[in-house]
């Protein structure tokens, strides 16, 4: 692919912001609007560095990020860089970074460049890591206030967020499995009730309708509702609770696939349903419950009032949010007792409610042990990619290539066809699908061949969510109720990051607190670039084999029969695996 040989020009992705907007009170604006460059001309010294640059910028594209002026990508306060000075320093460093150098980023701040080698990662990232004794939300906020750290969420601080689509398939797969277990394989004629339309929760309405159901979702921030309507993740909006519920029930009765948002607090919606005797078929939640200060809006406050209370009295906001989360879970429990299939979708709502005094919070099950763990045992999880050319035609080529490569996978084909039809791009054209052990490496080789042959116009970035089979320790989410009791063992994400680094991923990250909040998780991310070269082919094969392979190993080590069988069938070398387990799961 072509590279610049002269000094890098000013990025076409950065344009001056309006001076009047920059002076707006309580609405800090960046010095520039950030968009990832497109095309085959690069401003870095190689495509690996250019890929990191473009994906960092893509995270902050106004189409992608929730609050780009604050560097917040999603998840309450999940940032791409610690501050604008750090962002500019990262960009400048990536542009001069050599092919045998590695940039180190400490919680969104570039701190050093070291000589490494050509097959080493170009960037290594650590976000939000605190020594365990001090790993509390209060201590994190204190250190964040001193400018010493930042919250990286999962894919915000590791530069591989692709908009709401990134979580969409996981939500789709979860609901599809729920439908298979409880409703004969479809949500047609079923009512799914939830809350939250942010960077993660915004996937829920489309995931429900793709499974043929009716979604009724509460959201307190009208701008989020409008954004989901504009991007076609949401079908309709009703400002009135009673009207929204009546409309949802009518759609359920005629077996229509419709999503409806109501401008209301989640607790208000659930208490209204309980009082009216309306029991959802499925009940979950995707508010930013992991963050009681910046994410969750307490019952009894309008969104604007909550924003003001956060600013003027953060302790009072946290106290009210925690009490509201306890009430939220109590309402979910009441509807669960009446027959709603109820589950926590990984935002730590149960953990927060428990801390606020709701002792029965974990009577609600988690989505991973209920619906996803059998996939994890096979090394199956999120495989996402973005075309650096920015050309939607290149993404169409990759979609077709995946369909041709896996002709026997009906679920994958259905997902890709629905995705092409119904998902609006945010930022660089991107796609996600779930692939298993062996399949990810095969897809990586295929994409590298597409670049080498010129069938796509520029390299392809391959990554994943941190929500994966072997990259997370999160006892209230990915590792909840492990068969051997190893829920809180944090070695696995560290091993994942180390393995991906030595295998040559383009950038590797280790984070703390993503998804469920500070103190509740450790997780690792990786990204690798298919640039069409033979060197990339070697790295892709190593990384995309080892990364999901560790997920199989992690579940085999915990005693899951399906993972043990998968490991044996694929010839994984597990020194301690000596005999079949006495039971499976």
Protein backbone atom coordinates (compact mmCIF):
# COMPACT_ATOMS: atom_id res chain seq x y z
CA UNK A 1 0.00 0.00 0.00
CA UNK A 2 1.29 3.54 -0.69
CA UNK A 3 3.07 5.47 2.03
CA UNK A 4 4.19 9.08 2.33
CA UNK A 5 7.91 9.71 2.11
CA UNK A 6 7.77 13.44 2.92
CA UNK A 7 6.99 14.93 6.34
CA UNK A 8 3.41 14.18 7.35
CA UNK A 9 0.88 16.79 6.24
CA UNK A 10 -1.77 18.18 8.59
CA UNK A 11 -4.43 15.55 9.05
CA UNK A 12 -7.48 15.95 6.85
CA UNK A 13 -9.39 14.49 9.80
CA UNK A 14 -8.96 17.62 11.88
CA UNK A 15 -10.81 20.84 11.13
CA UNK A 16 -10.96 23.99 13.26
CA UNK A 17 -13.93 24.18 15.58
CA UNK A 18 -16.21 27.21 15.78
CA UNK A 19 -14.90 29.84 18.18
CA UNK A 20 -18.35 30.67 19.55
CA UNK A 21 -19.00 26.99 20.32
CA UNK A 22 -15.60 26.74 21.99
CA UNK A 23 -16.60 29.48 24.45
CA UNK A 24 -19.96 27.92 25.37
CA UNK A 25 -20.36 27.61 29.19
CA UNK A 26 -20.17 24.13 30.75
CA UNK A 27 -19.81 22.59 27.29
CA UNK A 28 -16.08 22.25 26.63
CA UNK A 29 -15.32 21.85 22.95
CA UNK A 30 -12.26 20.26 21.41
CA UNK A 31 -9.92 22.45 19.43
CA UNK A 32 -10.85 20.32 16.41
CA UNK A 33 -13.53 17.99 15.13
CA UNK A 34 -11.96 14.55 14.88
CA UNK A 35 -12.63 12.14 12.02
CA UNK A 36 -10.47 9.28 10.83
CA UNK A 37 -8.73 9.82 7.48
CA UNK A 38 -9.83 7.62 4.58
CA UNK A 39 -8.08 6.23 1.54
CA UNK A 40 -4.65 4.83 0.74
CA UNK A 41 -2.43 7.85 1.50
CA UNK A 42 -1.11 7.75 5.03
CA UNK A 43 0.53 10.26 7.37
CA UNK A 44 2.41 7.68 9.47
CA UNK A 45 5.51 5.65 8.66
CA UNK A 46 3.60 2.40 8.19
CA UNK A 47 0.12 0.95 8.07
CA UNK A 48 0.29 -0.49 11.59
CA UNK A 49 0.80 2.99 13.02
CA UNK A 50 -1.73 4.48 10.60
CA UNK A 51 -4.31 1.92 11.70
CA UNK A 52 -3.86 2.90 15.35
CA UNK A 53 -4.13 6.58 14.40
CA UNK A 54 -7.30 6.09 12.36
CA UNK A 55 -9.02 3.92 14.94
CA UNK A 56 -8.17 6.36 17.75
CA UNK A 57 -9.68 9.15 15.65
CA UNK A 58 -12.64 6.98 14.68
CA UNK A 59 -13.45 6.51 18.36
CA UNK A 60 -13.89 10.30 18.59
CA UNK A 61 -15.84 10.79 15.37
CA UNK A 62 -19.06 12.67 16.23
CA UNK A 63 -20.97 9.83 14.56
CA UNK A 64 -19.35 7.37 16.97
CA UNK A 65 -18.59 8.99 20.33
CA UNK A 66 -21.22 10.01 22.87
CA UNK A 67 -19.42 13.16 24.05
CA UNK A 68 -16.44 13.67 21.74
CA UNK A 69 -15.83 17.20 23.07
CA UNK A 70 -14.90 15.54 26.39
CA UNK A 71 -13.09 12.60 24.74
CA UNK A 72 -15.87 10.35 26.08
CA UNK A 73 -16.66 7.51 23.69
CA UNK A 74 -19.32 5.57 25.62
CA UNK A 75 -20.14 3.99 28.97
CA UNK A 76 -20.61 7.06 31.13
CA UNK A 77 -17.00 8.30 31.11
CA UNK A 78 -15.07 5.83 28.93
CA UNK A 79 -12.39 7.91 27.20
CA UNK A 80 -10.09 7.46 24.22
CA UNK A 81 -7.36 9.67 25.74
CA UNK A 82 -6.86 11.34 29.11
CA UNK A 83 -7.13 14.91 27.82
CA UNK A 84 -6.71 16.84 24.59
CA UNK A 85 -3.02 17.48 25.20
CA UNK A 86 -2.48 13.72 25.55
CA UNK A 87 -4.56 13.06 22.44
CA UNK A 88 -2.41 15.44 20.38
CA UNK A 89 0.77 13.86 21.77
CA UNK A 90 -0.47 10.36 20.87
CA UNK A 91 -1.28 11.48 17.33
CA UNK A 92 2.10 13.17 16.88
CA UNK A 93 3.93 10.14 18.27
CA UNK A 94 2.08 7.66 16.06
CA UNK A 95 3.05 9.75 13.02
CA UNK A 96 6.75 9.49 13.82
CA UNK A 97 6.73 5.98 15.29
CA UNK A 98 9.07 3.57 13.51
CA UNK A 99 8.41 -0.01 12.44
CA UNK A 100 10.70 -1.29 15.21
CA UNK A 101 9.39 0.90 18.00
CA UNK A 102 6.60 0.57 20.56
CA UNK A 103 4.60 3.40 22.14
CA UNK A 104 3.49 2.96 25.76
CA UNK A 105 0.22 4.59 26.84
CA UNK A 106 -0.59 4.86 30.56
CA UNK A 107 -4.28 5.52 31.11
CA UNK A 108 -4.65 7.66 28.02
CA UNK A 109 -1.29 9.42 28.32
CA UNK A 110 1.65 8.59 26.02
CA UNK A 111 4.64 8.10 28.32
CA UNK A 112 7.46 6.53 26.29
CA UNK A 113 8.64 5.07 23.01
CA UNK A 114 11.03 2.14 23.19
CA UNK A 115 12.94 0.29 20.53
CA UNK A 116 11.39 -3.15 20.07
CA UNK A 117 11.22 -5.15 16.81
CA UNK A 118 9.13 -5.38 13.67
CA UNK A 119 6.77 -8.08 14.93
CA UNK A 120 6.22 -6.50 18.34
CA UNK A 121 3.07 -4.43 19.01
CA UNK A 122 3.33 -0.82 17.89
CA UNK A 123 1.32 0.28 20.95
CA UNK A 124 0.87 -1.14 24.45
CA UNK A 125 -1.91 0.35 26.60
CA UNK A 126 -2.80 0.04 30.30
CA UNK A 127 -5.97 1.78 31.51
CA UNK A 128 -7.43 2.40 34.96
CA UNK A 129 -5.25 -0.17 36.74
CA UNK A 130 -5.16 0.30 40.51
CA UNK A 131 -3.50 -1.82 43.17
CA UNK A 132 -6.34 -4.07 44.44
CA UNK A 133 -6.57 -2.65 47.96
CA UNK A 134 -7.17 0.82 46.46
CA UNK A 135 -9.38 -0.31 43.57
CA UNK A 136 -12.53 1.51 44.68
CA UNK A 137 -14.72 3.93 42.78
CA UNK A 138 -14.02 6.72 45.28
CA UNK A 139 -10.25 6.31 45.07
CA UNK A 140 -10.38 6.10 41.30
CA UNK A 141 -12.39 9.31 41.09
CA UNK A 142 -9.90 11.02 43.41
CA UNK A 143 -6.96 9.99 41.21
CA UNK A 144 -8.87 10.84 38.05
CA UNK A 145 -9.56 14.29 39.50
CA UNK A 146 -5.82 14.75 40.01
CA UNK A 147 -5.28 13.97 36.32
CA UNK A 148 -3.40 10.73 37.04
CA UNK A 149 -5.65 8.18 35.35
CA UNK A 150 -8.75 7.79 33.19
CA UNK A 151 -11.55 5.29 32.72
CA UNK A 152 -10.97 3.37 29.50
CA UNK A 153 -14.17 1.29 29.56
CA UNK A 154 -13.42 -1.62 27.19
CA UNK A 155 -13.05 -0.50 23.58
CA UNK A 156 -12.97 3.27 24.25
CA UNK A 157 -9.48 3.34 25.73
CA UNK A 158 -8.24 0.60 23.41
CA UNK A 159 -9.28 2.40 20.19
CA UNK A 160 -11.50 -0.29 18.66
CA UNK A 161 -15.02 0.98 19.34
CA UNK A 162 -17.10 0.80 16.15
CA UNK A 163 -20.30 2.43 17.37
CA UNK A 164 -23.37 0.67 18.65
CA UNK A 165 -22.92 -2.19 16.16
CA UNK A 166 -20.02 -3.36 18.32
CA UNK A 167 -22.35 -4.61 21.04
CA UNK A 168 -25.27 -5.32 18.74
CA UNK A 169 -24.40 -8.86 17.82
CA UNK A 170 -23.70 -9.88 21.40
CA UNK A 171 -27.12 -8.53 22.34
CA UNK A 172 -28.65 -10.23 19.31
CA UNK A 173 -27.00 -13.57 20.19
CA UNK A 174 -28.11 -13.30 23.82
CA UNK A 175 -31.72 -12.65 22.86
CA UNK A 176 -31.64 -15.33 20.16
CA UNK A 177 -30.48 -17.89 22.72
CA UNK A 178 -33.14 -16.68 25.16
CA UNK A 179 -35.72 -17.18 22.40
CA UNK A 180 -34.39 -20.67 21.65
CA UNK A 181 -34.54 -21.69 25.31
CA UNK A 182 -37.88 -20.12 26.25
CA UNK A 183 -39.98 -19.18 23.21
CA UNK A 184 -39.46 -21.72 20.44
CA UNK A 185 -36.71 -19.83 18.65
CA UNK A 186 -38.34 -16.43 18.06
CA UNK A 187 -39.42 -13.36 20.00
CA UNK A 188 -42.41 -12.82 17.70
CA UNK A 189 -45.42 -11.98 19.84
CA UNK A 190 -43.18 -11.27 22.86
CA UNK A 191 -42.56 -8.04 24.78
CA UNK A 192 -38.99 -7.21 25.82
CA UNK A 193 -38.66 -4.39 28.36
CA UNK A 194 -35.36 -2.68 29.13
CA UNK A 195 -33.74 0.72 29.69
CA UNK A 196 -30.79 2.72 28.41
CA UNK A 197 -29.99 3.91 24.89
CA UNK A 198 -26.34 4.88 25.33
CA UNK A 199 -23.32 3.48 23.53
CA UNK A 200 -24.07 -0.04 24.74
CA UNK A 201 -27.79 0.00 25.44
CA UNK A 202 -28.58 1.62 22.12
CA UNK A 203 -28.15 -1.78 20.47
CA UNK A 204 -31.08 -3.29 22.34
CA UNK A 205 -34.06 -2.13 20.25
CA UNK A 206 -32.58 -3.36 16.97
CA UNK A 207 -31.39 -6.63 18.55
CA UNK A 208 -34.96 -7.30 19.71
CA UNK A 209 -36.60 -6.51 16.37
CA UNK A 210 -33.97 -8.55 14.52
CA UNK A 211 -35.26 -11.41 16.68
CA UNK A 212 -38.83 -10.46 15.64
CA UNK A 213 -39.95 -9.10 19.02
CA UNK A 214 -41.31 -5.86 20.48
CA UNK A 215 -38.93 -3.70 22.50
CA UNK A 216 -40.11 -1.11 25.03
CA UNK A 217 -37.11 0.85 26.33
CA UNK A 218 -36.92 3.67 28.88
CA UNK A 219 -34.41 6.49 28.36
CA UNK A 220 -34.09 9.76 30.28
CA UNK A 221 -31.87 11.60 27.77
CA UNK A 222 -33.94 12.72 24.78
CA UNK A 223 -30.81 13.30 22.66
CA UNK A 224 -30.02 9.60 22.90
CA UNK A 225 -33.51 8.72 21.74
CA UNK A 226 -33.15 11.06 18.77
CA UNK A 227 -29.75 9.61 17.90
CA UNK A 228 -31.10 6.05 17.86
CA UNK A 229 -34.01 7.12 15.69
CA UNK A 230 -31.65 8.83 13.25
CA UNK A 231 -29.39 5.77 12.97
CA UNK A 232 -32.33 3.35 12.63
CA UNK A 233 -31.56 1.43 15.81
CA UNK A 234 -34.98 2.53 17.10
CA UNK A 235 -38.35 2.67 15.35
CA UNK A 236 -40.55 5.01 17.41
CA UNK A 237 -40.73 7.38 20.36
CA UNK A 238 -43.55 8.08 22.82
CA UNK A 239 -43.18 10.74 25.52
CA UNK A 240 -46.02 9.34 27.67
CA UNK A 241 -45.65 6.13 29.72
CA UNK A 242 -49.22 4.87 29.39
CA UNK A 243 -49.30 5.54 25.65
CA UNK A 244 -45.96 3.84 25.10
CA UNK A 245 -47.05 0.73 27.02
CA UNK A 246 -50.37 0.53 25.15
CA UNK A 247 -48.59 0.86 21.81
CA UNK A 248 -46.07 -1.85 22.75
CA UNK A 249 -48.81 -4.26 23.84
CA UNK A 250 -50.74 -3.68 20.62
CA UNK A 251 -47.61 -4.43 18.58
CA UNK A 252 -47.00 -7.58 20.64
CA UNK A 253 -50.56 -8.79 20.05
CA UNK A 254 -50.26 -8.44 16.29
CA UNK A 255 -46.77 -10.06 16.36
CA UNK A 256 -45.09 -7.00 14.85
CA UNK A 257 -41.36 -6.39 15.22
CA UNK A 258 -41.30 -2.85 16.61
CA UNK A 259 -39.09 -0.90 19.02
CA UNK A 260 -40.51 1.98 21.06
CA UNK A 261 -38.64 4.35 23.37
CA UNK A 262 -40.34 6.20 26.20
CA UNK A 263 -38.81 9.27 27.85
CA UNK A 264 -38.88 7.96 31.41
CA UNK A 265 -36.72 6.69 34.20
CA UNK A 266 -36.33 2.90 34.19
CA UNK A 267 -37.78 2.58 37.69
CA UNK A 268 -40.83 4.61 36.74
CA UNK A 269 -41.47 2.36 33.74
CA UNK A 270 -41.14 -0.86 35.75
CA UNK A 271 -43.30 0.38 38.61
CA UNK A 272 -45.93 1.46 36.07
CA UNK A 273 -45.91 -2.03 34.52
CA UNK A 274 -46.20 -3.68 37.91
CA UNK A 275 -49.09 -1.47 38.95
CA UNK A 276 -50.89 -2.07 35.64
CA UNK A 277 -50.41 -5.83 35.86
CA UNK A 278 -48.34 -5.94 32.66
CA UNK A 279 -45.67 -8.65 32.77
CA UNK A 280 -42.98 -8.50 30.08
CA UNK A 281 -41.90 -11.74 28.46
CA UNK A 282 -38.26 -10.67 28.79
CA UNK A 283 -36.82 -8.06 31.17
CA UNK A 284 -33.28 -6.71 31.33
CA UNK A 285 -31.39 -3.39 31.57
CA UNK A 286 -28.52 -1.51 29.93
CA UNK A 287 -28.34 1.76 31.82
CA UNK A 288 -24.84 2.85 32.85
CA UNK A 289 -25.34 1.36 36.30
CA UNK A 290 -21.62 0.64 36.69
CA UNK A 291 -21.08 4.39 37.15
CA UNK A 292 -23.26 5.89 39.87
CA UNK A 293 -21.89 9.38 39.27
CA UNK A 294 -21.51 9.89 35.52
CA UNK A 295 -23.76 7.14 34.17
CA UNK A 296 -26.93 6.32 36.09
CA UNK A 297 -29.73 8.90 36.49
CA UNK A 298 -31.65 8.55 39.79
CA UNK A 299 -35.41 8.19 39.91
CA UNK A 300 -37.11 11.49 40.62
CA UNK A 301 -34.65 13.63 38.65
CA UNK A 302 -34.98 14.82 35.10
CA UNK A 303 -31.83 14.28 33.04
CA UNK A 304 -30.88 17.97 33.18
CA UNK A 305 -31.35 18.01 36.95
CA UNK A 306 -29.11 14.97 37.33
CA UNK A 307 -26.38 16.62 35.25
CA UNK A 308 -26.53 19.69 37.47
CA UNK A 309 -26.48 17.62 40.68
CA UNK A 310 -23.40 15.74 39.44
CA UNK A 311 -21.66 19.08 39.09
CA UNK A 312 -22.80 20.71 42.33
CA UNK A 313 -23.03 17.78 44.77
CA UNK A 314 -21.52 14.55 43.40
CA UNK A 315 -21.88 12.71 46.71
CA UNK A 316 -25.60 13.41 46.79
CA UNK A 317 -25.94 12.21 43.20
CA UNK A 318 -24.15 8.95 43.99
CA UNK A 319 -26.32 8.36 47.07
CA UNK A 320 -29.53 8.95 45.12
CA UNK A 321 -28.32 6.80 42.22
CA UNK A 322 -27.48 3.88 44.51
CA UNK A 323 -30.89 4.06 46.20
CA UNK A 324 -32.55 4.21 42.80
CA UNK A 325 -30.64 1.15 41.61
CA UNK A 326 -31.89 -0.79 44.61
CA UNK A 327 -35.46 0.23 43.72
CA UNK A 328 -34.76 -0.69 40.09
CA UNK A 329 -33.75 -4.22 41.05
CA UNK A 330 -36.68 -4.59 43.43
CA UNK A 331 -39.04 -3.78 40.56
CA UNK A 332 -37.24 -6.29 38.31
CA UNK A 333 -37.54 -8.94 41.01
CA UNK A 334 -41.26 -8.28 41.37
CA UNK A 335 -41.81 -8.75 37.64
CA UNK A 336 -39.56 -11.82 37.65
CA UNK A 337 -41.76 -13.39 40.33
CA UNK A 338 -44.75 -12.78 38.06
CA UNK A 339 -43.12 -14.69 35.22
CA UNK A 340 -40.84 -12.34 33.27
CA UNK A 341 -37.62 -13.97 32.02
CA UNK A 342 -35.29 -11.57 33.80
CA UNK A 343 -31.51 -11.24 33.48
CA UNK A 344 -28.68 -8.81 34.16
CA UNK A 345 -26.97 -7.75 30.92
CA UNK A 346 -23.58 -6.99 32.37
CA UNK A 347 -23.79 -3.42 33.66
CA UNK A 348 -23.39 -4.42 37.33
CA UNK A 349 -26.87 -3.23 38.28
CA UNK A 350 -27.16 -6.19 40.66
CA UNK A 351 -23.82 -5.45 42.32
CA UNK A 352 -24.75 -1.82 42.86
CA UNK A 353 -28.18 -2.75 44.21
CA UNK A 354 -26.60 -5.27 46.59
CA UNK A 355 -24.22 -2.58 47.86
CA UNK A 356 -27.25 -0.32 48.35
CA UNK A 357 -28.98 -2.90 50.53
CA UNK A 358 -31.05 -5.08 48.17
CA UNK A 359 -30.02 -8.50 49.50
CA UNK A 360 -31.87 -10.48 46.81
CA UNK A 361 -30.25 -8.72 43.85
CA UNK A 362 -28.50 -11.85 42.63
CA UNK A 363 -31.76 -13.77 42.47
CA UNK A 364 -31.61 -12.27 38.97
CA UNK A 365 -29.29 -14.32 36.76
CA UNK A 366 -26.52 -13.01 34.54
CA UNK A 367 -26.62 -13.23 30.75
CA UNK A 368 -23.32 -15.10 30.40
CA UNK A 369 -24.11 -18.18 32.52
CA UNK A 370 -27.70 -18.19 31.24
CA UNK A 371 -27.10 -17.77 27.52
CA UNK A 372 -23.49 -17.23 26.35
CA UNK A 373 -21.13 -19.57 28.16
CA UNK A 374 -21.66 -22.54 25.80
CA UNK A 375 -20.34 -20.32 22.98
CA UNK A 376 -17.34 -19.26 25.07
CA UNK A 377 -16.43 -22.92 25.61
CA UNK A 378 -15.91 -23.21 21.84
CA UNK A 379 -13.74 -20.12 21.65
CA UNK A 380 -16.65 -18.28 20.06
CA UNK A 381 -16.97 -14.57 20.51
CA UNK A 382 -16.82 -11.13 18.90
CA UNK A 383 -14.74 -10.76 15.74
CA UNK A 384 -14.93 -7.18 14.47
CA UNK A 385 -13.25 -5.37 11.63
CA UNK A 386 -13.11 -1.94 9.99
CA UNK A 387 -12.01 -1.03 6.47
CA UNK A 388 -9.38 1.70 6.63
CA UNK A 389 -10.20 2.87 3.12
CA UNK A 390 -13.49 4.18 4.44
CA UNK A 391 -15.21 2.78 1.35
CA UNK A 392 -18.46 0.87 2.02
CA UNK A 393 -17.74 -1.20 -1.09
CA UNK A 394 -14.71 -2.67 0.68
CA UNK A 395 -16.89 -3.71 3.60
CA UNK A 396 -19.32 -5.36 1.18
CA UNK A 397 -16.40 -7.39 -0.23
CA UNK A 398 -15.51 -8.59 3.27
CA UNK A 399 -19.13 -9.50 4.03
CA UNK A 400 -19.31 -11.63 0.90
CA UNK A 401 -15.98 -13.24 1.69
CA UNK A 402 -17.18 -14.30 5.16
CA UNK A 403 -20.43 -15.70 3.74
CA UNK A 404 -18.46 -17.72 1.18
CA UNK A 405 -15.93 -18.93 3.76
CA UNK A 406 -18.54 -20.32 6.18
CA UNK A 407 -21.38 -21.59 3.96
CA UNK A 408 -22.73 -24.05 6.54
CA UNK A 409 -23.27 -21.51 9.31
CA UNK A 410 -26.92 -20.50 8.93
CA UNK A 411 -26.92 -18.29 12.04
CA UNK A 412 -23.89 -16.36 10.78
CA UNK A 413 -25.46 -15.92 7.35
CA UNK A 414 -28.71 -14.66 8.85
CA UNK A 415 -26.82 -12.18 11.03
CA UNK A 416 -24.71 -10.79 8.17
CA UNK A 417 -27.68 -10.42 5.87
CA UNK A 418 -29.66 -8.61 8.56
CA UNK A 419 -26.65 -6.45 9.44
CA UNK A 420 -26.11 -5.36 5.85
CA UNK A 421 -29.78 -4.47 5.52
CA UNK A 422 -30.42 -2.74 8.83
CA UNK A 423 -27.22 -1.34 10.38
CA UNK A 424 -26.20 2.24 9.63
CA UNK A 425 -22.47 2.92 9.65
CA UNK A 426 -20.97 5.12 12.36
CA UNK A 427 -17.55 6.42 11.36
CA UNK A 428 -15.41 4.03 9.35
CA UNK A 429 -17.44 1.21 7.75
CA UNK A 430 -17.20 -1.74 10.13
CA UNK A 431 -18.74 -5.10 10.86
CA UNK A 432 -18.88 -7.62 13.68
CA UNK A 433 -19.79 -11.28 13.78
CA UNK A 434 -19.16 -14.07 16.25
CA UNK A 435 -16.62 -16.68 15.19
CA UNK A 436 -15.09 -19.60 17.06
CA UNK A 437 -11.66 -21.12 17.54
CA UNK A 438 -10.08 -21.80 14.14
CA UNK A 439 -12.65 -19.64 12.36
CA UNK A 440 -11.09 -16.35 13.46
CA UNK A 441 -7.67 -17.32 12.10
CA UNK A 442 -9.26 -18.43 8.85
CA UNK A 443 -11.08 -15.09 8.51
CA UNK A 444 -7.87 -13.20 9.23
CA UNK A 445 -5.98 -15.04 6.50
CA UNK A 446 -8.86 -14.38 4.12
CA UNK A 447 -8.86 -10.64 4.82
CA UNK A 448 -5.10 -10.44 4.36
CA UNK A 449 -5.51 -12.06 0.95
CA UNK A 450 -8.20 -9.53 0.03
CA UNK A 451 -5.75 -6.72 0.76
CA UNK A 452 -2.84 -8.43 -1.02
CA UNK A 453 -4.92 -9.04 -4.15
CA UNK A 454 -6.25 -5.48 -4.27
CA UNK A 455 -9.86 -6.55 -3.88
CA UNK A 456 -10.06 -4.00 -1.08
CA UNK A 457 -8.35 -0.63 -1.39
CA UNK A 458 -6.55 -0.39 1.97
CA UNK A 459 -5.72 -2.59 4.96
CA UNK A 460 -8.33 -4.01 7.31
CA UNK A 461 -8.24 -3.63 11.10
CA UNK A 462 -9.34 -6.71 13.06
CA UNK A 463 -10.22 -6.56 16.74
CA UNK A 464 -12.90 -7.58 19.21
CA UNK A 465 -14.78 -6.51 22.27
CA UNK A 466 -13.10 -7.27 25.58
CA UNK A 467 -16.28 -9.26 26.33
CA UNK A 468 -14.83 -12.51 25.03
CA UNK A 469 -14.17 -16.06 26.06
CA UNK A 470 -10.66 -15.73 27.52
CA UNK A 471 -9.90 -12.04 27.97
CA UNK A 472 -11.97 -11.04 31.00
CA UNK A 473 -12.19 -11.71 34.73
CA UNK A 474 -15.53 -10.26 35.81
CA UNK A 475 -17.41 -12.17 38.53
CA UNK A 476 -20.65 -10.26 37.90
CA UNK A 477 -20.50 -10.79 34.14
CA UNK A 478 -18.20 -12.89 31.90
CA UNK A 479 -16.90 -15.13 34.69
CA UNK A 480 -20.01 -15.30 36.81
CA UNK A 481 -20.72 -18.74 38.33
CA UNK A 482 -17.72 -20.52 36.82
CA UNK A 483 -17.98 -24.27 37.30
CA UNK A 484 -14.84 -24.47 39.45
CA UNK A 485 -15.46 -21.28 41.44
CA UNK A 486 -12.71 -19.33 39.65
CA UNK A 487 -14.91 -16.29 38.98
CA UNK A 488 -12.49 -13.73 40.45
CA UNK A 489 -9.19 -15.19 39.22
CA UNK A 490 -7.54 -12.31 37.36
CA UNK A 491 -4.62 -14.21 35.82
CA UNK A 492 -6.44 -14.99 32.58
CA UNK A 493 -6.78 -11.48 31.09
CA UNK A 494 -3.15 -10.77 31.93
CA UNK A 495 -2.08 -14.00 30.20
CA UNK A 496 -4.28 -13.03 27.26
CA UNK A 497 -2.53 -9.67 26.87
CA UNK A 498 0.92 -11.21 27.24
CA UNK A 499 0.15 -13.91 24.66
CA UNK A 500 -1.22 -11.40 22.16
CA UNK A 501 1.81 -9.16 22.63
CA UNK A 502 4.37 -11.91 22.00
CA UNK A 503 2.33 -13.18 19.06
CA UNK A 504 2.52 -9.80 17.36
CA UNK A 505 -0.83 -8.03 17.72
CA UNK A 506 -0.61 -4.47 16.41
CA UNK A 507 -1.75 -3.02 19.72
CA UNK A 508 -2.61 -4.67 23.03
CA UNK A 509 -4.34 -3.27 26.10
CA UNK A 510 -5.07 -4.25 29.69
CA UNK A 511 -7.90 -2.48 31.50
CA UNK A 512 -9.65 -2.42 34.85
CA UNK A 513 -13.35 -1.87 35.47
CA UNK A 514 -14.83 -1.94 31.98
CA UNK A 515 -18.50 -2.82 31.69
CA UNK A 516 -19.15 -3.23 35.40
CA UNK A 517 -17.14 -0.49 37.05
CA UNK A 518 -14.00 0.04 39.10
CA UNK A 519 -13.15 -2.87 41.36
CA UNK A 520 -15.23 -5.44 39.50
CA UNK A 521 -13.23 -6.56 36.45
CA UNK A 522 -9.92 -6.97 34.66
CA UNK A 523 -9.88 -7.39 30.89
CA UNK A 524 -7.60 -7.30 27.88
CA UNK A 525 -7.99 -6.22 24.27
CA UNK A 526 -6.10 -6.80 21.07
CA UNK A 527 -6.15 -5.34 17.55
CA UNK A 528 -4.24 -6.58 14.50
CA UNK A 529 -3.90 -5.19 10.99
CA UNK A 530 -4.23 -7.21 7.79
CA UNK A 531 -2.06 -5.22 5.37
CA UNK A 532 -1.58 -7.91 2.73
CA UNK A 533 2.04 -8.70 3.64
CA UNK A 534 3.52 -12.10 4.43
CA UNK A 535 4.62 -10.77 7.82
CA UNK A 536 1.03 -9.80 8.59
CA UNK A 537 -0.13 -13.26 7.54
CA UNK A 538 2.19 -14.83 10.14
CA UNK A 539 1.07 -12.46 12.89
CA UNK A 540 -2.60 -12.87 12.04
CA UNK A 541 -2.36 -16.63 12.24
CA UNK A 542 -0.60 -16.54 15.62
CA UNK A 543 -2.82 -13.88 17.20
CA UNK A 544 -6.17 -15.11 15.90
CA UNK A 545 -5.33 -18.65 16.99
CA UNK A 546 -3.93 -17.86 20.43
CA UNK A 547 -6.48 -15.22 21.42
CA UNK A 548 -9.65 -17.39 21.19
CA UNK A 549 -7.59 -20.48 22.02
CA UNK A 550 -6.95 -19.11 25.48
CA UNK A 551 -10.72 -18.87 25.90
CA UNK A 552 -11.06 -22.57 25.21
CA UNK A 553 -8.21 -23.25 27.64
CA UNK A 554 -9.73 -21.05 30.34
CA UNK A 555 -13.04 -22.95 30.19
CA UNK A 556 -11.40 -26.35 29.87
CA UNK A 557 -9.35 -25.53 32.97
CA UNK A 558 -12.60 -24.75 34.78
CA UNK A 559 -13.94 -28.19 33.89
CA UNK A 560 -16.44 -27.50 31.12
CA UNK A 561 -16.86 -30.66 29.05
CA UNK A 562 -17.56 -28.79 25.81
CA UNK A 563 -14.32 -26.82 26.16
CA UNK A 564 -12.31 -29.95 26.97
CA UNK A 565 -13.72 -31.68 23.90
CA UNK A 566 -12.98 -28.62 21.75
CA UNK A 567 -9.40 -28.48 23.04
CA UNK A 568 -8.83 -32.15 22.25
CA UNK A 569 -10.43 -31.94 18.81
CA UNK A 570 -8.17 -29.03 17.87
CA UNK A 571 -5.04 -30.47 19.41
CA UNK A 572 -4.52 -27.76 22.01
CA UNK A 573 -1.64 -28.65 24.33
CA UNK A 574 -3.05 -28.57 27.87
CA UNK A 575 -0.49 -30.10 30.27
CA UNK A 576 -2.99 -30.69 33.09
CA UNK A 577 -5.71 -32.19 30.91
CA UNK A 578 -5.52 -35.88 31.72
CA UNK A 579 -9.05 -37.29 31.79
CA UNK A 580 -12.63 -36.57 30.86
CA UNK A 581 -14.53 -34.55 33.49
CA UNK A 582 -17.11 -36.34 35.56
CA UNK A 583 -19.74 -33.79 34.52
CA UNK A 584 -20.18 -31.06 31.98
CA UNK A 585 -21.73 -27.66 31.65
